[in-house]
Protein backbone atom coordinates (compact mmCIF):
# COMPACT_ATOMS: atom_id res chain seq x y z
CA MET A 1 170.18 46.06 64.93
CA CYS A 2 168.88 47.98 67.92
CA SER A 3 170.79 50.48 69.93
CA GLY A 4 171.38 49.97 73.62
CA LYS A 5 168.79 52.62 74.43
CA GLN A 6 166.14 50.87 72.30
CA LYS A 7 166.90 47.52 73.95
CA ARG A 8 166.52 49.08 77.42
CA VAL A 9 163.19 50.63 76.45
CA ALA A 10 161.92 47.26 75.17
CA ILE A 11 163.13 45.46 78.31
CA MET A 12 161.49 48.01 80.60
CA ALA A 13 158.21 47.75 78.63
CA ARG A 14 158.22 43.95 79.03
CA ARG A 15 158.89 44.31 82.77
CA ARG A 16 156.01 46.77 83.17
CA GLU A 17 153.69 44.40 81.30
CA ARG A 18 154.72 41.43 83.46
CA ARG A 19 154.25 43.48 86.65
CA ALA A 20 150.76 44.51 85.55
CA GLN A 21 149.87 40.88 84.78
CA ALA A 22 151.17 39.76 88.19
CA ILE A 23 149.08 42.40 89.98
CA VAL A 24 145.94 41.33 88.11
CA ALA A 25 146.65 37.65 88.81
CA ALA A 26 147.18 38.34 92.52
CA ARG A 27 143.90 40.25 92.81
CA THR A 28 141.73 37.62 91.13
CA PRO A 29 140.61 34.79 93.42
CA PRO A 30 141.67 31.26 92.50
CA VAL A 31 139.26 29.73 90.02
CA SER A 32 139.09 26.21 91.37
CA VAL A 33 138.87 26.45 95.15
CA SER A 34 137.97 23.06 96.56
CA PRO A 35 135.12 22.81 99.02
CA TRP A 36 136.32 23.52 102.53
CA SER A 37 136.93 20.74 104.94
CA ARG A 38 135.61 21.02 108.47
CA GLY A 39 137.73 23.35 110.63
CA SER A 40 139.36 25.14 107.70
CA VAL A 41 139.93 28.90 107.64
CA LEU A 42 140.08 31.18 104.60
CA VAL A 43 143.49 32.66 103.61
CA ASP A 44 143.85 36.44 103.22
CA LYS A 45 146.71 36.60 100.73
CA TRP A 46 147.31 40.34 101.27
CA LEU A 47 148.11 39.90 104.98
CA LEU A 48 150.92 37.37 104.42
CA ALA A 49 154.53 38.44 104.93
CA PRO A 50 156.34 38.94 101.62
CA SER A 51 158.73 36.17 100.66
CA ASN A 52 161.34 36.00 97.95
CA SER A 53 160.16 32.85 96.23
CA TYR A 54 159.09 31.83 92.74
CA GLY A 55 156.10 29.83 93.92
CA GLU A 56 153.52 30.05 96.62
CA PRO A 57 152.80 27.70 99.52
CA ALA A 58 150.12 25.02 99.18
CA PHE A 59 147.71 26.79 101.53
CA VAL A 60 147.76 29.93 99.35
CA THR A 61 147.11 27.91 96.19
CA ARG A 62 144.35 26.00 97.98
CA GLY A 63 142.80 29.21 99.34
CA TYR A 64 142.29 28.04 102.93
CA TYR A 65 144.20 26.61 105.89
CA VAL A 66 143.63 23.03 107.06
CA ASP A 67 144.67 21.31 110.28
CA VAL A 68 148.20 19.88 109.97
CA HIS A 69 149.40 16.91 112.02
CA PHE A 70 153.04 16.96 113.16
CA ILE A 71 155.37 15.24 115.62
CA CYS A 72 157.14 17.40 118.22
CA SER A 73 160.87 17.43 117.53
CA ASP A 74 161.73 17.43 121.27
CA CYS A 75 159.31 15.04 122.99
CA ALA A 76 158.02 13.12 119.91
CA SER A 77 154.35 13.63 120.84
CA GLN A 78 151.76 13.78 118.06
CA GLU A 79 150.22 17.24 117.79
CA VAL A 80 147.86 19.19 115.53
CA TRP A 81 148.57 22.67 114.18
CA THR A 82 145.05 24.01 113.74
CA ALA A 83 143.92 26.18 110.85
CA ALA A 84 143.20 29.08 113.23
CA GLN A 85 146.73 28.86 114.68
CA GLN A 86 148.18 28.85 111.16
CA LYS A 87 146.14 31.92 110.21
CA TRP A 88 147.47 33.76 113.28
CA TRP A 89 151.07 32.70 112.58
CA TYR A 90 151.13 33.64 108.90
CA GLU A 91 148.83 36.68 108.83
CA VAL A 92 149.06 38.34 112.27
CA ALA A 93 152.56 37.40 113.48
CA LYS A 94 153.86 37.61 109.88
CA GLY A 95 155.68 34.27 110.08
CA TYR A 96 157.64 32.97 107.11
CA VAL A 97 155.16 31.33 104.74
CA TYR A 98 157.25 28.18 104.28
CA SER A 99 157.67 27.56 108.04
CA THR A 100 155.67 24.90 109.87
CA ALA A 101 155.09 23.85 113.47
CA ALA A 102 157.91 21.78 114.96
CA ARG A 103 157.32 21.74 118.74
CA CYS A 104 154.33 21.26 121.03
CA LEU A 105 153.19 24.02 123.38
CA ALA A 106 154.90 22.51 126.44
CA CYS A 107 158.27 22.21 124.68
CA ARG A 108 157.99 25.76 123.28
CA ARG A 109 157.29 27.11 126.77
CA GLN A 110 160.22 25.14 128.18
CA ARG A 111 162.58 26.56 125.53
CA ARG A 112 161.32 30.10 126.15
CA SER A 113 161.80 29.85 129.91
CA GLY A 114 165.33 28.54 129.35
CA ARG A 115 166.20 31.53 127.19
CA THR A 116 165.04 34.08 129.74
CA ASN A 117 166.70 32.31 132.68
CA ASN A 118 170.24 33.60 133.28
CA ASN A 119 171.28 30.48 135.18
CA LYS A 120 173.49 28.58 132.72
CA CYS A 121 172.74 25.23 134.36
CA ASN A 122 169.04 25.43 133.52
CA ALA A 123 169.36 27.08 130.13
CA ILE A 124 168.26 25.07 127.14
CA LYS A 125 170.60 25.40 124.21
CA ALA A 126 168.93 26.80 121.10
CA SER A 127 169.43 24.66 118.06
């Protein structure tokens, strides 16, 4: 039988050990990084915004960003979210790491102009 104090000491020691292992794992580069595809950009894991998640996004596991094809949710046009745009979004603008592109540039600009316009007739409702 252990006292409550002994249990706490053991729990804290295990936590410290796990934290140290996590720091070492985060600092070591991934072992099996696939060869880059054309137009890909390397991920800097330390510049990403912190997220409260158990896993990590596919681009972090992979080690680089790749161009992602998507369909605009407003006008249904086929678009490409380039690796350079993703790097800016995740590392410079500190966007949420599980977010993806949903609208084309024209639709984003239209939504932005509707938000700044005080005329309620022309305002686009945010979803």
